[in-house]
Protein backbone atom coordinates (compact mmCIF):
# COMPACT_ATOMS: atom_id res chain seq x y z
CA UNK A 1 39.37 47.53 217.22
CA UNK A 2 40.35 43.64 216.63
CA UNK A 3 41.17 41.32 219.17
CA UNK A 4 42.83 37.88 219.77
CA UNK A 5 40.71 35.26 222.07
CA UNK A 6 42.82 33.18 223.98
CA UNK A 7 40.60 30.42 226.03
CA UNK A 8 42.22 28.79 228.79
CA UNK A 9 41.91 25.40 229.50
CA UNK A 10 41.42 24.92 233.30
CA UNK A 11 40.95 20.83 233.79
CA UNK A 12 37.68 19.00 233.64
CA UNK A 13 35.03 16.75 235.48
CA UNK A 14 32.67 14.51 234.04
CA UNK A 15 29.32 14.75 235.49
CA UNK A 16 26.05 13.73 235.01
CA UNK A 17 24.23 15.06 231.35
CA UNK A 18 21.58 16.92 233.53
CA UNK A 19 24.57 19.45 234.20
CA UNK A 20 24.23 20.65 230.77
CA UNK A 21 20.64 19.85 229.44
CA UNK A 22 17.54 20.74 231.64
CA UNK A 23 16.46 17.23 232.92
CA UNK A 24 18.75 15.13 230.66
CA UNK A 25 17.69 11.58 231.29
CA UNK A 26 21.22 10.63 229.24
CA UNK A 27 22.90 7.91 231.52
CA UNK A 28 26.37 9.25 229.73
CA UNK A 29 28.74 11.43 231.47
CA UNK A 30 29.32 14.84 230.25
CA UNK A 31 32.81 16.38 230.06
CA UNK A 32 32.13 19.86 232.14
CA UNK A 33 35.64 21.69 231.49
CA UNK A 34 36.42 24.97 233.59
CA UNK A 35 38.40 27.66 232.35
CA UNK A 36 38.09 31.45 231.48
CA UNK A 37 39.39 33.90 228.26
CA UNK A 38 42.16 36.29 227.46
CA UNK A 39 41.61 39.09 225.37
CA UNK A 40 44.56 40.98 223.19
CA UNK A 41 44.00 44.12 221.86
CA UNK A 42 45.73 45.83 218.77
CA UNK A 43 48.45 46.97 220.53
CA UNK A 44 49.16 44.09 223.11
CA UNK A 45 47.25 44.86 226.38
CA UNK A 46 45.06 42.33 228.03
CA UNK A 47 41.71 42.15 228.84
CA UNK A 48 40.29 39.10 231.38
CA UNK A 49 37.06 37.67 230.96
CA UNK A 50 36.31 35.62 234.08
CA UNK A 51 39.52 34.92 236.69
CA UNK A 52 39.64 30.87 236.90
CA UNK A 53 38.95 28.61 239.85
CA UNK A 54 40.67 27.83 243.12
CA UNK A 55 43.76 25.14 243.01
CA UNK A 56 43.57 21.37 244.33
CA UNK A 57 45.53 22.61 247.14
CA UNK A 58 43.32 25.56 248.32
CA UNK A 59 40.49 23.18 247.79
CA UNK A 60 41.59 20.44 249.92
CA UNK A 61 43.56 23.17 252.50
CA UNK A 62 39.79 25.03 252.83
CA UNK A 63 37.02 22.28 252.52
CA UNK A 64 35.68 24.60 250.17
CA UNK A 65 32.73 22.76 248.81
CA UNK A 66 33.97 23.06 245.08
CA UNK A 67 35.43 20.17 242.38
CA UNK A 68 38.77 19.46 242.09
CA UNK A 69 40.15 19.29 238.57
CA UNK A 70 41.16 16.22 236.77
CA UNK A 71 44.25 17.29 233.84
CA UNK A 72 44.06 20.39 236.29
CA UNK A 73 46.39 23.87 235.31
CA UNK A 74 47.07 26.51 237.41
CA UNK A 75 45.51 29.95 236.31
CA UNK A 76 47.51 32.51 237.04
CA UNK A 77 50.62 30.08 235.79
CA UNK A 78 48.13 29.80 232.11
CA UNK A 79 47.57 33.27 231.67
CA UNK A 80 51.35 34.25 231.82
CA UNK A 81 52.41 31.83 229.24
CA UNK A 82 51.02 33.60 227.25
CA UNK A 83 52.51 36.90 228.42
CA UNK A 84 49.99 38.39 230.60
CA UNK A 85 51.76 40.35 233.76
CA UNK A 86 49.37 40.25 236.68
CA UNK A 87 50.47 43.86 237.91
CA UNK A 88 49.95 45.62 234.75
CA UNK A 89 46.04 44.08 234.07
CA UNK A 90 43.88 47.05 234.38
CA UNK A 91 40.54 45.40 233.30
CA UNK A 92 38.74 42.40 234.18
CA UNK A 93 35.15 41.61 233.04
CA UNK A 94 33.28 39.02 235.25
CA UNK A 95 30.16 36.96 233.65
CA UNK A 96 29.04 36.09 236.86
CA UNK A 97 30.07 35.56 240.34
CA UNK A 98 29.83 32.13 240.59
CA UNK A 99 33.33 30.29 242.20
CA UNK A 100 34.57 28.75 238.95
CA UNK A 101 34.33 32.05 237.70
CA UNK A 102 35.79 34.93 239.69
CA UNK A 103 38.30 33.36 241.41
CA UNK A 104 41.84 34.69 242.26
CA UNK A 105 40.82 38.47 242.02
CA UNK A 106 43.46 39.33 244.39
CA UNK A 107 46.29 38.44 241.87
CA UNK A 108 45.40 41.75 240.29
CA UNK A 109 45.83 44.44 242.30
CA UNK A 110 45.94 47.28 239.36
CA UNK A 111 42.85 46.77 237.60
CA UNK A 112 39.40 47.72 237.47
CA UNK A 113 36.93 44.95 237.90
CA UNK A 114 33.54 44.90 236.09
CA UNK A 115 30.74 43.03 236.82
CA UNK A 116 26.42 43.49 237.12
CA UNK A 117 25.48 45.38 239.95
CA UNK A 118 22.30 42.32 240.26
CA UNK A 119 24.75 39.96 240.20
CA UNK A 120 27.13 41.41 243.21
CA UNK A 121 23.29 41.78 245.08
CA UNK A 122 22.37 38.11 244.21
CA UNK A 123 26.07 36.98 245.11
CA UNK A 124 24.99 38.44 248.83
CA UNK A 125 21.74 36.53 249.16
CA UNK A 126 21.66 33.90 246.70
CA UNK A 127 18.68 31.17 246.49
CA UNK A 128 19.51 28.28 249.38
CA UNK A 129 20.55 25.73 246.40
CA UNK A 130 22.94 28.20 245.28
CA UNK A 131 24.98 29.01 248.05
CA UNK A 132 27.56 26.53 247.23
CA UNK A 133 28.05 27.87 244.09
CA UNK A 134 28.64 31.43 245.41
CA UNK A 135 30.97 30.04 248.32
CA UNK A 136 28.63 30.98 250.68
CA UNK A 137 28.96 27.86 252.99
CA UNK A 138 30.26 27.94 256.49
CA UNK A 139 33.62 27.56 257.49
CA UNK A 140 35.31 27.80 253.71
CA UNK A 141 36.59 31.49 254.05
CA UNK A 142 33.46 33.19 251.61
CA UNK A 143 33.48 34.38 248.68
CA UNK A 144 36.84 35.13 246.93
CA UNK A 145 35.94 37.95 244.72
CA UNK A 146 35.07 39.88 248.06
CA UNK A 147 38.66 40.31 248.27
CA UNK A 148 39.04 42.79 245.43
CA UNK A 149 35.78 44.66 246.50
CA UNK A 150 37.09 47.78 246.33
CA UNK A 151 37.94 47.22 243.19
CA UNK A 152 34.88 46.23 241.33
CA UNK A 153 33.07 48.89 238.91
CA UNK A 154 29.18 47.82 239.28
CA UNK A 155 27.40 48.00 235.74
CA UNK A 156 23.85 48.22 235.39
CA UNK A 157 22.69 46.56 232.06
CA UNK A 158 24.49 46.46 228.60
CA UNK A 159 27.06 48.79 227.59
CA UNK A 160 29.45 49.44 224.61
CA UNK A 161 32.34 48.88 226.92
CA UNK A 162 34.99 49.87 224.52
CA UNK A 163 35.61 49.82 220.48
CA UNK A 164 35.30 46.14 219.79
CA UNK A 165 33.76 45.11 223.08
CA UNK A 166 29.93 44.86 223.99
CA UNK A 167 28.55 43.68 227.37
CA UNK A 168 25.19 42.23 227.06
CA UNK A 169 23.05 41.38 230.24
CA UNK A 170 22.25 37.57 229.60
CA UNK A 171 20.20 36.32 232.78
CA UNK A 172 19.09 32.34 233.40
CA UNK A 173 21.83 31.12 234.57
CA UNK A 174 22.40 34.13 237.23
CA UNK A 175 20.04 37.16 237.88
CA UNK A 176 22.99 39.42 236.71
CA UNK A 177 25.14 37.10 234.30
CA UNK A 178 26.67 39.21 231.18
CA UNK A 179 27.93 38.25 228.25
CA UNK A 180 31.17 39.90 226.06
CA UNK A 181 30.67 40.24 222.61
CA UNK A 182 34.30 40.34 221.07
CA UNK A 183 35.00 41.74 217.72
CA UNK A 184 37.99 40.04 215.42
CA UNK A 185 39.43 39.40 212.08
CA UNK A 186 37.52 36.74 212.20
CA UNK A 187 34.27 38.23 212.95
CA UNK A 188 32.23 38.63 215.95
CA UNK A 189 32.64 35.56 219.13
CA UNK A 190 30.19 35.91 222.05
CA UNK A 191 31.74 34.47 225.17
CA UNK A 192 27.87 33.48 226.27
CA UNK A 193 29.91 31.90 229.93
CA UNK A 194 27.06 29.74 231.28
CA UNK A 195 24.01 30.79 229.70
CA UNK A 196 25.18 27.67 227.67
CA UNK A 197 27.46 24.71 228.30
CA UNK A 198 27.14 23.12 224.99
CA UNK A 199 26.38 24.80 221.71
CA UNK A 200 23.11 22.58 221.64
CA UNK A 201 22.01 24.91 224.59
CA UNK A 202 21.72 27.72 222.08
CA UNK A 203 20.99 26.15 218.49
CA UNK A 204 17.89 23.96 220.31
CA UNK A 205 16.69 26.26 222.92
CA UNK A 206 17.45 23.93 225.82
CA UNK A 207 18.04 25.36 228.89
CA UNK A 208 21.31 24.03 231.38
CA UNK A 209 21.27 22.18 234.07
CA UNK A 210 21.68 24.80 236.71
CA UNK A 211 19.51 27.53 236.26
CA UNK A 212 18.21 30.69 238.58
CA UNK A 213 15.05 31.50 235.94
CA UNK A 214 13.31 29.41 233.28
CA UNK A 215 11.70 32.64 232.51
CA UNK A 216 14.97 35.12 232.28
CA UNK A 217 16.53 31.86 230.20
CA UNK A 218 13.87 31.96 227.61
CA UNK A 219 14.17 35.66 227.47
CA UNK A 220 17.66 36.02 227.25
CA UNK A 221 17.74 33.41 224.48
CA UNK A 222 15.35 34.85 222.58
CA UNK A 223 17.40 38.86 223.10
CA UNK A 224 20.37 36.79 221.81
CA UNK A 225 18.48 36.13 218.34
CA UNK A 226 19.27 39.68 217.20
CA UNK A 227 23.02 39.70 217.51
CA UNK A 228 25.27 37.90 214.94
CA UNK A 229 27.97 36.11 216.80
CA UNK A 230 29.91 32.75 217.22
CA UNK A 231 29.32 31.13 220.65
CA UNK A 232 31.96 30.27 222.81
CA UNK A 233 31.38 28.08 226.25
CA UNK A 234 33.97 27.90 228.74
CA UNK A 235 32.29 24.78 229.74
CA UNK A 236 32.68 23.11 226.27
CA UNK A 237 35.44 21.05 225.87
CA UNK A 238 35.43 22.00 222.19
CA UNK A 239 36.46 25.52 222.83
CA UNK A 240 39.94 24.84 223.82
CA UNK A 241 40.79 22.60 220.59
CA UNK A 242 42.00 26.23 219.42
CA UNK A 243 44.78 28.09 220.93
CA UNK A 244 43.10 31.54 219.91
CA UNK A 245 40.32 33.08 217.72
CA UNK A 246 40.84 36.16 215.61
C-alpha cells in the first residue's frame, strides 16, 4: 500500500535557537512552525497524524499557556480543504500528547485514536517543567485530548500498523513519543515528530532543545539508523514548501 502525505501548515513563531538545538548559543531566532500531517491511501481514505493546535481565540478565551501563531491557520478548515470529512475519519495517530499535537480530537467522533500507553501515563504525571506542554496548568481546562479518552487505543511498543505504515517508538523528547514510517511511491518517509526540529538534529546527532531524556534521545537516534526513510519534522518550515509527498 502506498500513501500520499499532506503537510498541514498552521503558522509559526520565531523562537530562540536553543529550542531547536540543545544549548545553542546562536543569537539568531529560529522559525518554529506548527502543523500536522494527513495520509491518504490508495482508496481515498484519510488517516490523521496528530490533530493540530488550538485557535488563537481559544488561547485568548481560556488563557492557555500556549503560543499564538503568526500567520495562523485553523486546523479543521485546512484538513477539510483536502476533502477530509471529520465524521468519516476512522484513524488518528498521535506522535505524543503535547498541546501542539493533540488538540481538536473531539471533532472526530468516529475515529479510533492511537497513542503509546507510556505516553498516556507520562502525560498525566509529567515532570514539573513539562506541565505546560501537557496543558496541566490551573485554570486552562486541562489537556484537550482527555475529551476523547474513550476513543483512545493504547499501544505498547513498535507496531506494523497497516500495510505501508509502521509505528516506531522514539522516546527522548517525551517518554512515549512514536514516529510514523509511511511508504509512498517516492519511497518511505518518516514523520519523526519532535524527535527532531531541524534536519541537522538527525544528520549531526544534535538533541532538540525540549527533551525529557538525553539517554533516550541518543538511543533513539541509534535505533533510527536501522531504518531507511526520508525524515519529515512538523516544526521544520521547509517541510511545508511542498503540498504533497508521494
